[in-house]
Amino acid sequence: MELLTNNYIRIISSTLAVYLFIVIAIRLFGKKELAQLSVVDLVFILLISNAVQNAMVGPDATLLGGLAAATTLFVVNYMLKYLQYRFPKFGKVVQGDATMLVYQGKIIESHMKKAKISIEELMEAVREHGVKSVAEVDLAIMEVDGSISVLSDKYQNKTVKKRKAHKVLTQQGV
């Protein structure tokens, strides 16, 4: 029984160490990797998960060993999210800050370099938000999750008109 208990303690501690390592590595290598998954990024994530599996469960490939590792991941993830919510400064350390990429139609080159965002990636995000050019962008921000938010007066006006049209149609029973 003691050998079994020690095995689960080893699985829990190894899983915790791997989880924290991955969180720190993602934080150090950039949040861009989270939101904009390319084929290379997907393969990377799959290989990382395969590479660290043995580090977490070791030779214990049993159902209980896998469940112990998974439970540890859920508990640690919940605790980390709770700490980020409870202590906003801790959340900033873990997640970082949002980064302004465009302000009033002008690209902020130094912030683009810091965020490791190419012009092509920025333009893709701008187009995805229905804006034709950077000159029409009031504000573009790389959020803490790695996504890019784009605000534009023209885009907001289109959205407002659509909502009004939807409201009118709903009121008319259409």
N, C-alpha and C. Protein backbone atom coordinates (compact mmCIF):
# COMPACT_ATOMS: atom_id res chain seq x y z
N MET A 1 0.82 -1.20 0.00
CA MET A 1 0.00 0.00 0.00
C MET A 1 0.87 1.26 0.00
N GLU A 2 1.97 1.25 0.78
CA GLU A 2 2.85 2.42 0.83
C GLU A 2 3.50 2.66 -0.53
N LEU A 3 3.87 1.58 -1.22
CA LEU A 3 4.46 1.72 -2.55
C LEU A 3 3.46 2.36 -3.51
N LEU A 4 2.20 1.95 -3.42
CA LEU A 4 1.14 2.50 -4.25
C LEU A 4 0.94 3.98 -3.95
N THR A 5 0.92 4.36 -2.67
CA THR A 5 0.76 5.75 -2.26
C THR A 5 1.92 6.60 -2.76
N ASN A 6 3.14 6.08 -2.60
CA ASN A 6 4.32 6.81 -3.07
C ASN A 6 4.28 7.00 -4.58
N ASN A 7 3.76 6.01 -5.30
CA ASN A 7 3.65 6.12 -6.75
C ASN A 7 2.71 7.26 -7.13
N TYR A 8 1.58 7.37 -6.45
CA TYR A 8 0.62 8.44 -6.76
C TYR A 8 1.15 9.81 -6.34
N ILE A 9 1.89 9.86 -5.26
CA ILE A 9 2.52 11.12 -4.86
C ILE A 9 3.54 11.55 -5.91
N ARG A 10 4.29 10.58 -6.46
CA ARG A 10 5.23 10.88 -7.52
C ARG A 10 4.51 11.37 -8.77
N ILE A 11 3.40 10.73 -9.13
CA ILE A 11 2.62 11.15 -10.31
C ILE A 11 2.09 12.57 -10.10
N ILE A 12 1.55 12.85 -8.94
CA ILE A 12 1.00 14.17 -8.64
C ILE A 12 2.08 15.23 -8.69
N SER A 13 3.22 14.97 -8.05
CA SER A 13 4.29 15.98 -8.04
C SER A 13 4.90 16.16 -9.43
N SER A 14 5.06 15.09 -10.19
CA SER A 14 5.59 15.20 -11.56
C SER A 14 4.62 15.97 -12.45
N THR A 15 3.34 15.68 -12.32
CA THR A 15 2.33 16.37 -13.12
C THR A 15 2.31 17.85 -12.79
N LEU A 16 2.39 18.18 -11.52
CA LEU A 16 2.44 19.57 -11.08
C LEU A 16 3.66 20.28 -11.67
N ALA A 17 4.80 19.64 -11.63
CA ALA A 17 6.03 20.23 -12.16
C ALA A 17 5.92 20.46 -13.67
N VAL A 18 5.38 19.49 -14.39
CA VAL A 18 5.23 19.62 -15.84
C VAL A 18 4.24 20.74 -16.16
N TYR A 19 3.13 20.81 -15.45
CA TYR A 19 2.13 21.86 -15.67
C TYR A 19 2.75 23.24 -15.49
N LEU A 20 3.43 23.43 -14.38
CA LEU A 20 4.05 24.73 -14.12
C LEU A 20 5.12 25.06 -15.15
N PHE A 21 5.88 24.07 -15.56
CA PHE A 21 6.89 24.28 -16.60
C PHE A 21 6.25 24.75 -17.90
N ILE A 22 5.17 24.10 -18.32
CA ILE A 22 4.50 24.46 -19.57
C ILE A 22 3.91 25.87 -19.48
N VAL A 23 3.29 26.22 -18.35
CA VAL A 23 2.73 27.57 -18.17
C VAL A 23 3.84 28.62 -18.28
N ILE A 24 4.94 28.37 -17.61
CA ILE A 24 6.06 29.32 -17.63
C ILE A 24 6.66 29.40 -19.04
N ALA A 25 6.81 28.26 -19.70
CA ALA A 25 7.37 28.25 -21.06
C ALA A 25 6.49 29.02 -22.03
N ILE A 26 5.18 28.82 -21.95
CA ILE A 26 4.26 29.55 -22.83
C ILE A 26 4.34 31.04 -22.54
N ARG A 27 4.43 31.38 -21.27
CA ARG A 27 4.53 32.81 -20.89
C ARG A 27 5.81 33.43 -21.45
N LEU A 28 6.92 32.68 -21.38
CA LEU A 28 8.20 33.20 -21.86
C LEU A 28 8.29 33.26 -23.38
N PHE A 29 7.69 32.28 -24.05
CA PHE A 29 7.82 32.23 -25.50
C PHE A 29 6.74 33.01 -26.23
N GLY A 30 5.78 33.55 -25.51
CA GLY A 30 4.83 34.46 -26.14
C GLY A 30 3.42 33.94 -26.21
N LYS A 31 2.48 34.86 -25.98
CA LYS A 31 1.08 34.52 -25.98
C LYS A 31 0.52 34.35 -27.38
N LYS A 32 1.23 34.83 -28.36
CA LYS A 32 0.79 34.71 -29.75
C LYS A 32 0.54 33.24 -30.09
N GLU A 33 1.33 32.37 -29.50
CA GLU A 33 1.23 30.95 -29.82
C GLU A 33 -0.13 30.37 -29.46
N LEU A 34 -0.85 30.98 -28.53
CA LEU A 34 -2.12 30.43 -28.08
C LEU A 34 -3.26 30.71 -29.04
N ALA A 35 -3.37 31.92 -29.52
CA ALA A 35 -4.54 32.32 -30.28
C ALA A 35 -4.45 32.02 -31.76
N GLN A 36 -3.27 32.01 -32.32
CA GLN A 36 -3.13 31.88 -33.76
C GLN A 36 -2.39 30.59 -34.09
N LEU A 37 -3.08 29.48 -33.94
CA LEU A 37 -2.46 28.19 -34.18
C LEU A 37 -2.32 27.91 -35.66
N SER A 38 -1.10 27.70 -36.07
CA SER A 38 -0.85 27.25 -37.43
C SER A 38 -0.66 25.74 -37.36
N VAL A 39 -0.45 25.12 -38.49
CA VAL A 39 -0.20 23.68 -38.53
C VAL A 39 1.03 23.34 -37.69
N VAL A 40 2.06 24.15 -37.81
CA VAL A 40 3.31 23.92 -37.06
C VAL A 40 3.03 24.01 -35.55
N ASP A 41 2.23 25.00 -35.14
CA ASP A 41 1.90 25.16 -33.73
C ASP A 41 1.11 23.96 -33.21
N LEU A 42 0.15 23.48 -34.01
CA LEU A 42 -0.65 22.32 -33.60
C LEU A 42 0.23 21.09 -33.42
N VAL A 43 1.11 20.85 -34.38
CA VAL A 43 2.04 19.71 -34.27
C VAL A 43 2.91 19.87 -33.02
N PHE A 44 3.39 21.08 -32.78
CA PHE A 44 4.21 21.36 -31.60
C PHE A 44 3.45 21.00 -30.32
N ILE A 45 2.20 21.44 -30.21
CA ILE A 45 1.41 21.16 -29.00
C ILE A 45 1.18 19.66 -28.84
N LEU A 46 0.88 18.98 -29.94
CA LEU A 46 0.68 17.53 -29.85
C LEU A 46 1.95 16.82 -29.40
N LEU A 47 3.09 17.24 -29.94
CA LEU A 47 4.35 16.60 -29.57
C LEU A 47 4.74 16.92 -28.12
N ILE A 48 4.48 18.14 -27.68
CA ILE A 48 4.77 18.48 -26.28
C ILE A 48 3.96 17.59 -25.35
N SER A 49 2.67 17.43 -25.64
CA SER A 49 1.84 16.60 -24.78
C SER A 49 2.33 15.16 -24.76
N ASN A 50 2.77 14.66 -25.89
CA ASN A 50 3.31 13.31 -25.93
C ASN A 50 4.64 13.21 -25.19
N ALA A 51 5.47 14.24 -25.32
CA ALA A 51 6.79 14.23 -24.68
C ALA A 51 6.69 14.26 -23.16
N VAL A 52 5.72 14.99 -22.63
CA VAL A 52 5.66 15.13 -21.17
C VAL A 52 4.79 14.07 -20.49
N GLN A 53 4.07 13.28 -21.28
CA GLN A 53 3.23 12.26 -20.68
C GLN A 53 4.02 11.31 -19.79
N ASN A 54 5.12 10.80 -20.31
CA ASN A 54 5.93 9.86 -19.52
C ASN A 54 6.53 10.53 -18.29
N ALA A 55 6.84 11.83 -18.41
CA ALA A 55 7.38 12.54 -17.25
C ALA A 55 6.34 12.64 -16.14
N MET A 56 5.06 12.66 -16.52
CA MET A 56 4.01 12.79 -15.51
C MET A 56 3.67 11.44 -14.87
N VAL A 57 3.46 10.42 -15.68
CA VAL A 57 3.00 9.15 -15.11
C VAL A 57 4.10 8.10 -15.00
N GLY A 58 5.23 8.34 -15.65
CA GLY A 58 6.34 7.38 -15.56
C GLY A 58 5.92 6.02 -16.07
N PRO A 59 6.35 4.98 -15.40
CA PRO A 59 6.02 3.63 -15.86
C PRO A 59 4.58 3.22 -15.55
N ASP A 60 3.86 4.02 -14.78
CA ASP A 60 2.49 3.68 -14.40
C ASP A 60 1.52 4.08 -15.51
N ALA A 61 1.27 3.17 -16.43
CA ALA A 61 0.37 3.44 -17.55
C ALA A 61 -1.03 2.92 -17.25
N THR A 62 -1.35 2.79 -15.98
CA THR A 62 -2.67 2.27 -15.60
C THR A 62 -3.72 3.37 -15.68
N LEU A 63 -4.97 2.94 -15.62
CA LEU A 63 -6.08 3.90 -15.63
C LEU A 63 -5.99 4.82 -14.42
N LEU A 64 -5.72 4.27 -13.25
CA LEU A 64 -5.62 5.09 -12.04
C LEU A 64 -4.46 6.08 -12.11
N GLY A 65 -3.35 5.68 -12.72
CA GLY A 65 -2.22 6.60 -12.89
C GLY A 65 -2.59 7.76 -13.79
N GLY A 66 -3.28 7.47 -14.89
CA GLY A 66 -3.74 8.53 -15.80
C GLY A 66 -4.76 9.43 -15.15
N LEU A 67 -5.67 8.84 -14.37
CA LEU A 67 -6.68 9.64 -13.67
C LEU A 67 -6.04 10.52 -12.59
N ALA A 68 -5.01 10.01 -11.93
CA ALA A 68 -4.31 10.82 -10.93
C ALA A 68 -3.64 12.03 -11.59
N ALA A 69 -3.02 11.82 -12.74
CA ALA A 69 -2.38 12.93 -13.47
C ALA A 69 -3.44 13.92 -13.96
N ALA A 70 -4.53 13.43 -14.53
CA ALA A 70 -5.59 14.31 -15.04
C ALA A 70 -6.24 15.11 -13.90
N THR A 71 -6.49 14.44 -12.78
CA THR A 71 -7.08 15.13 -11.63
C THR A 71 -6.15 16.22 -11.13
N THR A 72 -4.87 15.93 -11.09
CA THR A 72 -3.89 16.94 -10.67
C THR A 72 -3.93 18.14 -11.60
N LEU A 73 -4.00 17.89 -12.92
CA LEU A 73 -4.07 18.99 -13.88
C LEU A 73 -5.32 19.84 -13.67
N PHE A 74 -6.46 19.20 -13.45
CA PHE A 74 -7.70 19.95 -13.21
C PHE A 74 -7.60 20.79 -11.93
N VAL A 75 -7.09 20.20 -10.87
CA VAL A 75 -7.00 20.91 -9.58
C VAL A 75 -6.03 22.08 -9.68
N VAL A 76 -4.86 21.84 -10.25
CA VAL A 76 -3.85 22.90 -10.36
C VAL A 76 -4.36 24.02 -11.28
N ASN A 77 -5.00 23.65 -12.37
CA ASN A 77 -5.55 24.65 -13.28
C ASN A 77 -6.62 25.49 -12.57
N TYR A 78 -7.49 24.84 -11.82
CA TYR A 78 -8.52 25.56 -11.07
C TYR A 78 -7.87 26.51 -10.06
N MET A 79 -6.87 26.03 -9.34
CA MET A 79 -6.21 26.87 -8.34
C MET A 79 -5.52 28.06 -9.00
N LEU A 80 -4.87 27.84 -10.12
CA LEU A 80 -4.19 28.93 -10.82
C LEU A 80 -5.20 29.98 -11.30
N LYS A 81 -6.32 29.53 -11.86
CA LYS A 81 -7.36 30.47 -12.30
C LYS A 81 -7.93 31.24 -11.11
N TYR A 82 -8.14 30.55 -9.99
CA TYR A 82 -8.66 31.21 -8.79
C TYR A 82 -7.68 32.28 -8.30
N LEU A 83 -6.41 31.93 -8.26
CA LEU A 83 -5.39 32.90 -7.82
C LEU A 83 -5.33 34.11 -8.74
N GLN A 84 -5.48 33.88 -10.04
CA GLN A 84 -5.49 35.00 -10.99
C GLN A 84 -6.70 35.90 -10.75
N TYR A 85 -7.84 35.30 -10.44
CA TYR A 85 -9.05 36.07 -10.17
C TYR A 85 -8.92 36.82 -8.85
N ARG A 86 -8.45 36.13 -7.84
CA ARG A 86 -8.38 36.69 -6.48
C ARG A 86 -7.30 37.75 -6.35
N PHE A 87 -6.19 37.56 -7.05
CA PHE A 87 -5.05 38.47 -6.95
C PHE A 87 -4.68 38.95 -8.36
N PRO A 88 -5.27 40.06 -8.81
CA PRO A 88 -5.05 40.54 -10.18
C PRO A 88 -3.57 40.75 -10.53
N LYS A 89 -2.75 41.15 -9.58
CA LYS A 89 -1.32 41.33 -9.88
C LYS A 89 -0.68 39.99 -10.23
N PHE A 90 -1.08 38.95 -9.54
CA PHE A 90 -0.59 37.61 -9.85
C PHE A 90 -1.03 37.22 -11.26
N GLY A 91 -2.27 37.56 -11.61
CA GLY A 91 -2.78 37.28 -12.95
C GLY A 91 -1.97 37.97 -14.02
N LYS A 92 -1.54 39.21 -13.75
CA LYS A 92 -0.71 39.92 -14.73
C LYS A 92 0.64 39.26 -14.90
N VAL A 93 1.20 38.72 -13.81
CA VAL A 93 2.48 38.02 -13.90
C VAL A 93 2.33 36.77 -14.77
N VAL A 94 1.24 36.05 -14.57
CA VAL A 94 1.04 34.80 -15.30
C VAL A 94 0.65 35.07 -16.75
N GLN A 95 -0.28 36.01 -16.98
CA GLN A 95 -0.79 36.23 -18.32
C GLN A 95 -0.15 37.38 -19.07
N GLY A 96 0.42 38.33 -18.37
CA GLY A 96 0.98 39.49 -19.03
C GLY A 96 -0.09 40.55 -19.26
N ASP A 97 0.24 41.56 -20.04
CA ASP A 97 -0.66 42.66 -20.34
C ASP A 97 -1.05 42.64 -21.81
N ALA A 98 -2.15 43.30 -22.10
CA ALA A 98 -2.53 43.50 -23.49
C ALA A 98 -1.52 44.47 -24.12
N THR A 99 -1.32 44.37 -25.43
CA THR A 99 -0.35 45.21 -26.13
C THR A 99 -1.04 45.95 -27.26
N MET A 100 -0.95 47.27 -27.25
CA MET A 100 -1.54 48.08 -28.31
C MET A 100 -0.67 47.97 -29.57
N LEU A 101 -1.29 47.58 -30.69
CA LEU A 101 -0.57 47.40 -31.94
C LEU A 101 -0.81 48.55 -32.92
N VAL A 102 -2.03 49.09 -32.89
CA VAL A 102 -2.39 50.19 -33.79
C VAL A 102 -3.17 51.22 -32.98
N TYR A 103 -2.85 52.49 -33.20
CA TYR A 103 -3.59 53.57 -32.55
C TYR A 103 -3.89 54.64 -33.60
N GLN A 104 -5.16 54.93 -33.79
CA GLN A 104 -5.63 55.93 -34.75
C GLN A 104 -5.00 55.75 -36.13
N GLY A 105 -5.05 54.53 -36.62
CA GLY A 105 -4.59 54.23 -37.97
C GLY A 105 -3.09 54.10 -38.14
N LYS A 106 -2.33 54.23 -37.06
CA LYS A 106 -0.87 54.15 -37.16
C LYS A 106 -0.37 52.90 -36.41
N ILE A 107 0.43 52.12 -37.10
CA ILE A 107 1.01 50.91 -36.51
C ILE A 107 2.10 51.31 -35.54
N ILE A 108 2.11 50.70 -34.37
CA ILE A 108 3.15 50.96 -33.37
C ILE A 108 4.21 49.86 -33.53
N GLU A 109 5.22 50.19 -34.31
CA GLU A 109 6.25 49.22 -34.71
C GLU A 109 6.92 48.55 -33.50
N SER A 110 7.27 49.34 -32.48
CA SER A 110 7.98 48.77 -31.33
C SER A 110 7.11 47.73 -30.62
N HIS A 111 5.81 47.97 -30.55
CA HIS A 111 4.91 47.01 -29.90
C HIS A 111 4.73 45.76 -30.77
N MET A 112 4.73 45.96 -32.09
CA MET A 112 4.62 44.82 -33.02
C MET A 112 5.83 43.90 -32.84
N LYS A 113 7.01 44.51 -32.73
CA LYS A 113 8.23 43.71 -32.54
C LYS A 113 8.20 42.98 -31.21
N LYS A 114 7.79 43.69 -30.17
CA LYS A 114 7.72 43.08 -28.83
C LYS A 114 6.76 41.89 -28.82
N ALA A 115 5.62 42.04 -29.51
CA ALA A 115 4.61 40.97 -29.55
C ALA A 115 4.93 39.91 -30.60
N LYS A 116 5.97 40.17 -31.41
CA LYS A 116 6.37 39.25 -32.48
C LYS A 116 5.23 39.00 -33.45
N ILE A 117 4.57 40.10 -33.85
CA ILE A 117 3.47 40.05 -34.81
C ILE A 117 3.95 40.66 -36.13
N SER A 118 3.75 39.93 -37.20
CA SER A 118 4.14 40.46 -38.51
C SER A 118 3.01 41.33 -39.06
N ILE A 119 3.35 42.14 -40.04
CA ILE A 119 2.35 42.99 -40.70
C ILE A 119 1.26 42.11 -41.32
N GLU A 120 1.65 40.98 -41.90
CA GLU A 120 0.68 40.07 -42.52
C GLU A 120 -0.31 39.55 -41.48
N GLU A 121 0.17 39.19 -40.29
CA GLU A 121 -0.74 38.70 -39.23
C GLU A 121 -1.68 39.81 -38.77
N LEU A 122 -1.16 41.01 -38.64
CA LEU A 122 -1.99 42.15 -38.26
C LEU A 122 -3.06 42.40 -39.31
N MET A 123 -2.66 42.41 -40.59
CA MET A 123 -3.61 42.65 -41.67
C MET A 123 -4.69 41.56 -41.71
N GLU A 124 -4.32 40.33 -41.43
CA GLU A 124 -5.30 39.25 -41.38
C GLU A 124 -6.34 39.53 -40.30
N ALA A 125 -5.89 39.95 -39.12
CA ALA A 125 -6.82 40.26 -38.03
C ALA A 125 -7.70 41.45 -38.40
N VAL A 126 -7.14 42.44 -39.04
CA VAL A 126 -7.90 43.62 -39.46
C VAL A 126 -9.01 43.19 -40.43
N ARG A 127 -8.64 42.37 -41.42
CA ARG A 127 -9.64 41.90 -42.40
C ARG A 127 -10.71 41.03 -41.73
N GLU A 128 -10.29 40.19 -40.79
CA GLU A 128 -11.26 39.34 -40.09
C GLU A 128 -12.30 40.17 -39.35
N HIS A 129 -11.96 41.38 -38.97
CA HIS A 129 -12.89 42.27 -38.27
C HIS A 129 -13.67 43.15 -39.24
N GLY A 130 -13.52 42.89 -40.53
CA GLY A 130 -14.30 43.60 -41.52
C GLY A 130 -13.77 44.99 -41.87
N VAL A 131 -12.54 45.27 -41.53
CA VAL A 131 -11.95 46.58 -41.80
C VAL A 131 -11.01 46.42 -42.99
N LYS A 132 -11.08 47.38 -43.91
CA LYS A 132 -10.30 47.26 -45.16
C LYS A 132 -8.82 47.55 -45.01
N SER A 133 -8.47 48.54 -44.18
CA SER A 133 -7.06 48.90 -44.07
C SER A 133 -6.74 49.36 -42.65
N VAL A 134 -5.46 49.37 -42.34
CA VAL A 134 -5.01 49.81 -41.02
C VAL A 134 -5.37 51.27 -40.79
N ALA A 135 -5.41 52.06 -41.85
CA ALA A 135 -5.75 53.49 -41.73
C ALA A 135 -7.15 53.68 -41.14
N GLU A 136 -8.04 52.68 -41.30
CA GLU A 136 -9.40 52.76 -40.78
C GLU A 136 -9.51 52.23 -39.35
N VAL A 137 -8.41 51.73 -38.81
CA VAL A 137 -8.42 51.13 -37.47
C VAL A 137 -8.20 52.22 -36.42
N ASP A 138 -9.11 52.31 -35.48
CA ASP A 138 -8.93 53.25 -34.37
C ASP A 138 -7.99 52.65 -33.33
N LEU A 139 -8.16 51.35 -33.07
CA LEU A 139 -7.36 50.69 -32.05
C LEU A 139 -7.29 49.20 -32.35
N ALA A 140 -6.10 48.64 -32.31
CA ALA A 140 -5.90 47.20 -32.43
C ALA A 140 -5.02 46.78 -31.26
N ILE A 141 -5.48 45.78 -30.53
CA ILE A 141 -4.79 45.35 -29.32
C ILE A 141 -4.60 43.84 -29.35
N MET A 142 -3.39 43.40 -29.02
CA MET A 142 -3.17 41.98 -28.79
C MET A 142 -3.57 41.72 -27.35
N GLU A 143 -4.62 40.91 -27.17
CA GLU A 143 -5.14 40.63 -25.84
C GLU A 143 -4.23 39.64 -25.11
N VAL A 144 -4.47 39.47 -23.81
CA VAL A 144 -3.62 38.58 -23.02
C VAL A 144 -3.72 37.13 -23.48
N ASP A 145 -4.81 36.77 -24.16
CA ASP A 145 -4.94 35.39 -24.64
C ASP A 145 -4.30 35.19 -26.01
N GLY A 146 -3.72 36.28 -26.58
CA GLY A 146 -3.05 36.18 -27.86
C GLY A 146 -3.91 36.58 -29.04
N SER A 147 -5.21 36.77 -28.83
CA SER A 147 -6.07 37.21 -29.93
C SER A 147 -5.87 38.70 -30.17
N ILE A 148 -6.26 39.15 -31.36
CA ILE A 148 -6.12 40.57 -31.70
C ILE A 148 -7.51 41.17 -31.83
N SER A 149 -7.81 42.18 -31.02
CA SER A 149 -9.07 42.91 -31.09
C SER A 149 -8.85 44.15 -31.94
N VAL A 150 -9.81 44.41 -32.83
CA VAL A 150 -9.72 45.56 -33.72
C VAL A 150 -10.98 46.40 -33.57
N LEU A 151 -10.80 47.69 -33.28
CA LEU A 151 -11.91 48.61 -33.16
C LEU A 151 -11.81 49.65 -34.26
N SER A 152 -12.94 49.91 -34.91
CA SER A 152 -12.99 50.89 -35.98
C SER A 152 -14.36 51.54 -35.97
N ASP A 153 -14.41 52.85 -36.15
CA ASP A 153 -15.70 53.54 -36.20
C ASP A 153 -16.57 52.96 -37.31
N LYS A 154 -15.99 52.70 -38.47
CA LYS A 154 -16.76 52.15 -39.59
C LYS A 154 -17.32 50.78 -39.23
N TYR A 155 -16.50 49.96 -38.59
CA TYR A 155 -16.95 48.61 -38.22
C TYR A 155 -18.05 48.69 -37.17
N GLN A 156 -17.90 49.57 -36.19
CA GLN A 156 -18.90 49.70 -35.14
C GLN A 156 -20.22 50.20 -35.72
N ASN A 157 -20.16 51.12 -36.67
CA ASN A 157 -21.38 51.62 -37.29
C ASN A 157 -22.11 50.49 -38.02
N LYS A 158 -21.38 49.65 -38.72
CA LYS A 158 -22.02 48.52 -39.40
C LYS A 158 -22.69 47.61 -38.38
N THR A 159 -22.02 47.35 -37.28
CA THR A 159 -22.58 46.47 -36.26
C THR A 159 -23.85 47.06 -35.66
N VAL A 160 -23.81 48.35 -35.36
CA VAL A 160 -24.97 49.02 -34.78
C VAL A 160 -26.14 48.96 -35.74
N LYS A 161 -25.91 49.23 -37.05
CA LYS A 161 -26.98 49.18 -38.04
C LYS A 161 -27.58 47.78 -38.11
N LYS A 162 -26.74 46.76 -38.07
CA LYS A 162 -27.25 45.39 -38.13
C LYS A 162 -28.11 45.11 -36.91
N ARG A 163 -27.68 45.55 -35.75
CA ARG A 163 -28.47 45.32 -34.54
C ARG A 163 -29.80 46.04 -34.63
N LYS A 164 -29.78 47.29 -35.15
CA LYS A 164 -31.03 48.04 -35.28
C LYS A 164 -31.95 47.32 -36.26
N ALA A 165 -31.41 46.86 -37.38
CA ALA A 165 -32.23 46.16 -38.37
C ALA A 165 -32.81 44.90 -37.75
N HIS A 166 -32.01 44.17 -36.99
CA HIS A 166 -32.48 42.96 -36.34
C HIS A 166 -33.59 43.29 -35.35
N LYS A 167 -33.43 44.38 -34.61
CA LYS A 167 -34.43 44.81 -33.63
C LYS A 167 -35.74 45.17 -34.32
N VAL A 168 -35.65 45.88 -35.44
CA VAL A 168 -36.85 46.27 -36.19
C VAL A 168 -37.56 45.05 -36.73
N LEU A 169 -36.79 44.13 -37.31
CA LEU A 169 -37.39 42.91 -37.84
C LEU A 169 -38.04 42.07 -36.75
N THR A 170 -37.40 42.02 -35.58
CA THR A 170 -37.94 41.26 -34.46
C THR A 170 -39.24 41.90 -33.98
N GLN A 171 -39.28 43.22 -33.91
CA GLN A 171 -40.48 43.93 -33.44
C GLN A 171 -41.63 43.76 -34.43
N GLN A 172 -41.30 43.61 -35.73
CA GLN A 172 -42.34 43.45 -36.73
C GLN A 172 -42.80 42.00 -36.83
N GLY A 173 -42.17 41.13 -36.06
CA GLY A 173 -42.57 39.72 -36.08
C GLY A 173 -42.01 38.93 -37.23
N VAL A 174 -40.97 39.45 -37.85
CA VAL A 174 -40.35 38.74 -38.99
C VAL A 174 -39.36 37.74 -38.48
